[in-house]
Amino acid sequence: RGTEMAELSNYSIAPEQLQLLYAAGFRVSSDLNDIDAVELSRDSKIPRDDALKILRTVRESRRRTTSSSKRESATALEIFRQETTSDGIVTFSKAIDDMIGKGVPLGKITELCGSPGVGKTQLCMQLTIDVQFPLAFGGLDGEALYIDTEGGFILERIAQIANAAQQYLIEAASDAELAAV
């Protein structure tokens, strides 16, 4: 069943208000299609502000569900072409970038495995900096969120990595200016 026929009990509606809605004959989301807050309040004896909140809750949920179900379809060839031409987050380590192709893939889950101390955390910190590099320098001009679940995040270390990256960008910009002259 689609969202049009979803039971009102599936939404975040207070039980007392749900009882009043049921008593007034409103049972599924489509029952609220062509009604405004004033009518809903009058018909169900629910205060107008609460009726407005109920309508917003149901309509917003329906809109989210509808928009997420409108996914574009693609052929296997189109997906393959997209995968092979899409950029990744470059590590700026030639050996690693060569090994994994065009960098760490975007929109994918990448698992890093290894013994303690081999650099998994360092690489993740580096990637959070690299993703923010401007496009002109091989970055993605993006943003990063680092979630540490083990307590290994050291603010001083990420500051060192960020400062080194900044220095790299300054030197790369100087080299580019000299090459242009």
C-alpha atoms as a PDB file:
ATOM      1  CA  ARG A   1       0.000   0.000   0.000  1.00  0.00           C
ATOM      2  CA  GLY A   2       1.217   3.459  -0.854  1.00  0.00           C
ATOM      3  CA  THR A   3       1.337   6.494   1.378  1.00  0.00           C
ATOM      4  CA  GLU A   4      -2.143   7.524   0.203  1.00  0.00           C
ATOM      5  CA  MET A   5      -3.637   4.602   2.117  1.00  0.00           C
ATOM      6  CA  ALA A   6      -1.303   4.674   5.118  1.00  0.00           C
ATOM      7  CA  GLU A   7      -3.109   4.328   8.426  1.00  0.00           C
ATOM      8  CA  LEU A   8      -3.040   7.538  10.441  1.00  0.00           C
ATOM      9  CA  SER A   9      -1.728   5.482  13.366  1.00  0.00           C
ATOM     10  CA  ASN A  10       1.539   5.170  11.390  1.00  0.00           C
ATOM     11  CA  TYR A  11       2.205   8.888  11.834  1.00  0.00           C
ATOM     12  CA  SER A  12       3.405  10.830  14.879  1.00  0.00           C
ATOM     13  CA  ILE A  13      -0.050  11.767  16.096  1.00  0.00           C
ATOM     14  CA  ALA A  14      -0.950  11.816  19.795  1.00  0.00           C
ATOM     15  CA  PRO A  15      -3.277   8.936  20.810  1.00  0.00           C
ATOM     16  CA  GLU A  16      -6.002  11.327  22.043  1.00  0.00           C
ATOM     17  CA  GLN A  17      -5.982  13.152  18.721  1.00  0.00           C
ATOM     18  CA  LEU A  18      -5.950   9.859  16.841  1.00  0.00           C
ATOM     19  CA  GLN A  19      -9.113   8.801  18.685  1.00  0.00           C
ATOM     20  CA  LEU A  20     -10.808  12.073  17.730  1.00  0.00           C
ATOM     21  CA  LEU A  21      -9.733  11.636  14.100  1.00  0.00           C
ATOM     22  CA  TYR A  22     -11.081   8.063  14.037  1.00  0.00           C
ATOM     23  CA  ALA A  23     -14.362   9.181  15.628  1.00  0.00           C
ATOM     24  CA  ALA A  24     -14.728  11.809  12.889  1.00  0.00           C
ATOM     25  CA  GLY A  25     -14.130   9.201  10.170  1.00  0.00           C
ATOM     26  CA  PHE A  26     -10.500   9.970   9.340  1.00  0.00           C
ATOM     27  CA  ARG A  27      -8.570   6.686   9.201  1.00  0.00           C
ATOM     28  CA  VAL A  28      -6.013   6.853   6.359  1.00  0.00           C
ATOM     29  CA  SER A  29      -3.797   9.639   5.037  1.00  0.00           C
ATOM     30  CA  SER A  30      -5.861  10.099   1.878  1.00  0.00           C
ATOM     31  CA  ASP A  31      -8.818  11.081   4.090  1.00  0.00           C
ATOM     32  CA  LEU A  32      -6.897  14.307   4.759  1.00  0.00           C
ATOM     33  CA  ASN A  33      -6.210  15.153   1.107  1.00  0.00           C
ATOM     34  CA  ASP A  34      -8.810  17.819   0.447  1.00  0.00           C
ATOM     35  CA  ILE A  35      -9.255  19.308   3.882  1.00  0.00           C
ATOM     36  CA  ASP A  36      -7.717  22.317   5.565  1.00  0.00           C
ATOM     37  CA  ALA A  37      -6.890  22.837   9.227  1.00  0.00           C
ATOM     38  CA  VAL A  38     -10.103  24.750   9.965  1.00  0.00           C
ATOM     39  CA  GLU A  39     -12.286  21.972   8.551  1.00  0.00           C
ATOM     40  CA  LEU A  40     -10.260  19.250  10.261  1.00  0.00           C
ATOM     41  CA  SER A  41     -10.528  21.116  13.559  1.00  0.00           C
ATOM     42  CA  ARG A  42     -14.281  21.572  13.179  1.00  0.00           C
ATOM     43  CA  ASP A  43     -14.947  17.977  12.084  1.00  0.00           C
ATOM     44  CA  SER A  44     -12.712  16.261  14.623  1.00  0.00           C
ATOM     45  CA  LYS A  45     -12.942  18.668  17.588  1.00  0.00           C
ATOM     46  CA  ILE A  46      -9.136  18.976  17.598  1.00  0.00           C
ATOM     47  CA  PRO A  47      -7.753  22.483  18.273  1.00  0.00           C
ATOM     48  CA  ARG A  48      -6.904  24.282  15.031  1.00  0.00           C
ATOM     49  CA  ASP A  49      -3.158  24.558  15.770  1.00  0.00           C
ATOM     50  CA  ASP A  50      -3.009  20.819  16.431  1.00  0.00           C
ATOM     51  CA  ALA A  51      -5.020  20.099  13.276  1.00  0.00           C
ATOM     52  CA  LEU A  52      -2.510  22.151  11.305  1.00  0.00           C
ATOM     53  CA  LYS A  53       0.381  20.173  12.842  1.00  0.00           C
ATOM     54  CA  ILE A  54      -1.327  16.891  11.953  1.00  0.00           C
ATOM     55  CA  LEU A  55      -1.843  17.952   8.343  1.00  0.00           C
ATOM     56  CA  ARG A  56       1.774  19.095   8.068  1.00  0.00           C
ATOM     57  CA  THR A  57       3.055  15.843   9.578  1.00  0.00           C
ATOM     58  CA  VAL A  58       1.056  13.651   7.213  1.00  0.00           C
ATOM     59  CA  ARG A  59       1.727  15.719   4.090  1.00  0.00           C
ATOM     60  CA  GLU A  60       5.455  16.125   4.800  1.00  0.00           C
ATOM     61  CA  SER A  61       5.846  12.400   5.381  1.00  0.00           C
ATOM     62  CA  ARG A  62       3.941  11.642   2.196  1.00  0.00           C
ATOM     63  CA  ARG A  63       6.058  14.116   0.200  1.00  0.00           C
ATOM     64  CA  ARG A  64       9.328  12.602   1.525  1.00  0.00           C
ATOM     65  CA  THR A  65       8.188   9.077   0.716  1.00  0.00           C
ATOM     66  CA  THR A  66       7.029  10.075  -2.764  1.00  0.00           C
ATOM     67  CA  SER A  67      10.241  11.914  -3.643  1.00  0.00           C
ATOM     68  CA  SER A  68      12.463   9.067  -2.399  1.00  0.00           C
ATOM     69  CA  SER A  69      10.540   6.535  -4.485  1.00  0.00           C
ATOM     70  CA  LYS A  70      11.145   8.495  -7.725  1.00  0.00           C
ATOM     71  CA  ARG A  71      14.601   7.105  -8.406  1.00  0.00           C
ATOM     72  CA  GLU A  72      15.986   7.238 -11.903  1.00  0.00           C
ATOM     73  CA  SER A  73      16.618   3.952 -13.627  1.00  0.00           C
ATOM     74  CA  ALA A  74      19.775   3.234 -15.579  1.00  0.00           C
ATOM     75  CA  THR A  75      21.134   0.433 -17.714  1.00  0.00           C
ATOM     76  CA  ALA A  76      24.126  -1.617 -16.606  1.00  0.00           C
ATOM     77  CA  LEU A  77      26.239   0.095 -19.272  1.00  0.00           C
ATOM     78  CA  GLU A  78      25.253   3.553 -17.996  1.00  0.00           C
ATOM     79  CA  ILE A  79      26.127   2.559 -14.427  1.00  0.00           C
ATOM     80  CA  PHE A  80      29.453   1.104 -15.595  1.00  0.00           C
ATOM     81  CA  ARG A  81      30.323   4.286 -17.478  1.00  0.00           C
ATOM     82  CA  GLN A  82      29.403   6.418 -14.483  1.00  0.00           C
ATOM     83  CA  GLU A  83      31.532   4.248 -12.189  1.00  0.00           C
ATOM     84  CA  THR A  84      34.573   4.319 -14.458  1.00  0.00           C
ATOM     85  CA  THR A  85      34.444   8.055 -15.146  1.00  0.00           C
ATOM     86  CA  SER A  86      33.550   9.352 -11.695  1.00  0.00           C
ATOM     87  CA  ASP A  87      36.261  10.911  -9.580  1.00  0.00           C
ATOM     88  CA  GLY A  88      37.217   9.849  -6.125  1.00  0.00           C
ATOM     89  CA  ILE A  89      38.884  11.466  -3.153  1.00  0.00           C
ATOM     90  CA  VAL A  90      42.549  11.540  -4.049  1.00  0.00           C
ATOM     91  CA  THR A  91      44.982  10.714  -1.265  1.00  0.00           C
ATOM     92  CA  PHE A  92      47.875  12.607  -2.878  1.00  0.00           C
ATOM     93  CA  SER A  93      49.930   9.482  -2.340  1.00  0.00           C
ATOM     94  CA  LYS A  94      50.772   8.242  -5.840  1.00  0.00           C
ATOM     95  CA  ALA A  95      51.201   4.657  -4.652  1.00  0.00           C
ATOM     96  CA  ILE A  96      47.792   4.543  -2.937  1.00  0.00           C
ATOM     97  CA  ASP A  97      45.986   6.428  -5.712  1.00  0.00           C
ATOM     98  CA  ASP A  98      47.489   4.100  -8.356  1.00  0.00           C
ATOM     99  CA  MET A  99      46.496   1.062  -6.312  1.00  0.00           C
ATOM    100  CA  ILE A 100      42.834   2.075  -5.871  1.00  0.00           C
ATOM    101  CA  GLY A 101      42.343   3.834  -9.201  1.00  0.00           C
ATOM    102  CA  LYS A 102      41.087   7.408  -9.144  1.00  0.00           C
ATOM    103  CA  GLY A 103      41.065   7.722  -5.375  1.00  0.00           C
ATOM    104  CA  VAL A 104      38.627   6.587  -2.727  1.00  0.00           C
ATOM    105  CA  PRO A 105      35.267   6.151  -4.504  1.00  0.00           C
ATOM    106  CA  LEU A 106      32.512   8.668  -3.842  1.00  0.00           C
ATOM    107  CA  GLY A 107      29.095   7.451  -2.729  1.00  0.00           C
ATOM    108  CA  LYS A 108      30.464   4.085  -1.653  1.00  0.00           C
ATOM    109  CA  ILE A 109      31.434   2.506   1.623  1.00  0.00           C
ATOM    110  CA  THR A 110      35.161   1.873   1.746  1.00  0.00           C
ATOM    111  CA  GLU A 111      36.495  -0.389   4.474  1.00  0.00           C
ATOM    112  CA  LEU A 112      40.059   0.051   5.677  1.00  0.00           C
ATOM    113  CA  CYS A 113      41.571  -2.996   7.346  1.00  0.00           C
ATOM    114  CA  GLY A 114      44.935  -3.576   8.923  1.00  0.00           C
ATOM    115  CA  SER A 115      46.907  -4.138  12.058  1.00  0.00           C
ATOM    116  CA  PRO A 116      47.041  -1.427  14.706  1.00  0.00           C
ATOM    117  CA  GLY A 117      49.432   1.361  13.847  1.00  0.00           C
ATOM    118  CA  VAL A 118      49.544   0.908  10.063  1.00  0.00           C
ATOM    119  CA  GLY A 119      47.901   4.288   9.377  1.00  0.00           C
ATOM    120  CA  LYS A 120      44.166   3.691   8.920  1.00  0.00           C
ATOM    121  CA  THR A 121      43.223   6.623  11.167  1.00  0.00           C
ATOM    122  CA  GLN A 122      45.886   8.827   9.585  1.00  0.00           C
ATOM    123  CA  LEU A 123      44.548   8.050   6.107  1.00  0.00           C
ATOM    124  CA  CYS A 124      41.001   8.881   7.172  1.00  0.00           C
ATOM    125  CA  MET A 125      42.144  12.171   8.662  1.00  0.00           C
ATOM    126  CA  GLN A 126      44.067  12.908   5.464  1.00  0.00           C
ATOM    127  CA  LEU A 127      40.966  12.176   3.369  1.00  0.00           C
ATOM    128  CA  THR A 128      38.870  14.605   5.440  1.00  0.00           C
ATOM    129  CA  ILE A 129      41.375  17.299   4.477  1.00  0.00           C
ATOM    130  CA  ASP A 130      41.841  16.168   0.852  1.00  0.00           C
ATOM    131  CA  VAL A 131      38.114  16.253   0.067  1.00  0.00           C
ATOM    132  CA  GLN A 132      38.152  19.972   0.882  1.00  0.00           C
ATOM    133  CA  PHE A 133      40.914  20.842  -1.608  1.00  0.00           C
ATOM    134  CA  PRO A 134      39.753  23.130  -4.433  1.00  0.00           C
ATOM    135  CA  LEU A 135      38.944  21.468  -7.755  1.00  0.00           C
ATOM    136  CA  ALA A 136      41.886  23.244  -9.384  1.00  0.00           C
ATOM    137  CA  PHE A 137      44.252  21.314  -7.102  1.00  0.00           C
ATOM    138  CA  GLY A 138      42.709  17.888  -7.616  1.00  0.00           C
ATOM    139  CA  GLY A 139      40.308  18.046  -4.704  1.00  0.00           C
ATOM    140  CA  LEU A 140      36.532  17.993  -4.681  1.00  0.00           C
ATOM    141  CA  ASP A 141      35.884  21.365  -3.012  1.00  0.00           C
ATOM    142  CA  GLY A 142      33.689  19.431  -0.611  1.00  0.00           C
ATOM    143  CA  GLU A 143      33.067  19.003   3.080  1.00  0.00           C
ATOM    144  CA  ALA A 144      33.834  16.221   5.536  1.00  0.00           C
ATOM    145  CA  LEU A 145      32.471  14.895   8.784  1.00  0.00           C
ATOM    146  CA  TYR A 146      34.788  12.714  10.846  1.00  0.00           C
ATOM    147  CA  ILE A 147      33.079  10.395  13.315  1.00  0.00           C
ATOM    148  CA  ASP A 148      35.457   8.805  15.811  1.00  0.00           C
ATOM    149  CA  THR A 149      34.065   5.754  17.596  1.00  0.00           C
ATOM    150  CA  GLU A 150      37.309   4.629  19.227  1.00  0.00           C
ATOM    151  CA  GLY A 151      38.765   7.821  20.685  1.00  0.00           C
ATOM    152  CA  GLY A 152      41.732   7.919  18.297  1.00  0.00           C
ATOM    153  CA  PHE A 153      40.985  11.393  16.957  1.00  0.00           C
ATOM    154  CA  ILE A 154      43.720  13.791  17.991  1.00  0.00           C
ATOM    155  CA  LEU A 155      42.981  17.416  17.228  1.00  0.00           C
ATOM    156  CA  GLU A 156      46.657  18.346  17.098  1.00  0.00           C
ATOM    157  CA  ARG A 157      47.307  15.663  14.454  1.00  0.00           C
ATOM    158  CA  ILE A 158      44.518  16.812  12.144  1.00  0.00           C
ATOM    159  CA  ALA A 159      45.794  20.387  12.563  1.00  0.00           C
ATOM    160  CA  GLN A 160      49.253  19.209  11.459  1.00  0.00           C
ATOM    161  CA  ILE A 161      47.750  17.465   8.427  1.00  0.00           C
ATOM    162  CA  ALA A 162      45.674  20.547   7.553  1.00  0.00           C
ATOM    163  CA  ASN A 163      48.704  22.846   7.873  1.00  0.00           C
ATOM    164  CA  ALA A 164      50.787  20.534   5.677  1.00  0.00           C
ATOM    165  CA  ALA A 165      47.978  20.461   3.112  1.00  0.00           C
ATOM    166  CA  GLN A 166      47.786  24.248   3.158  1.00  0.00           C
ATOM    167  CA  GLN A 167      51.545  24.465   2.607  1.00  0.00           C
ATOM    168  CA  TYR A 168      51.225  21.983  -0.270  1.00  0.00           C
ATOM    169  CA  LEU A 169      48.535  24.130  -1.904  1.00  0.00           C
ATOM    170  CA  ILE A 170      50.633  27.277  -1.516  1.00  0.00           C
ATOM    171  CA  GLU A 171      53.645  25.587  -3.118  1.00  0.00           C
ATOM    172  CA  ALA A 172      51.519  24.094  -5.893  1.00  0.00           C
ATOM    173  CA  ALA A 173      50.018  27.520  -6.628  1.00  0.00           C
ATOM    174  CA  SER A 174      53.517  29.070  -6.743  1.00  0.00           C
ATOM    175  CA  ASP A 175      54.740  26.324  -9.082  1.00  0.00           C
ATOM    176  CA  ALA A 176      51.714  26.896 -11.320  1.00  0.00           C
ATOM    177  CA  GLU A 177      52.375  30.637 -11.435  1.00  0.00           C
ATOM    178  CA  LEU A 178      56.046  30.069 -12.299  1.00  0.00           C
ATOM    179  CA  ALA A 179      55.111  27.578 -15.022  1.00  0.00           C
ATOM    180  CA  ALA A 180      52.696  30.118 -16.527  1.00  0.00           C
ATOM    181  CA  VAL A 181      55.442  32.784 -16.807  1.00  0.00           C
END
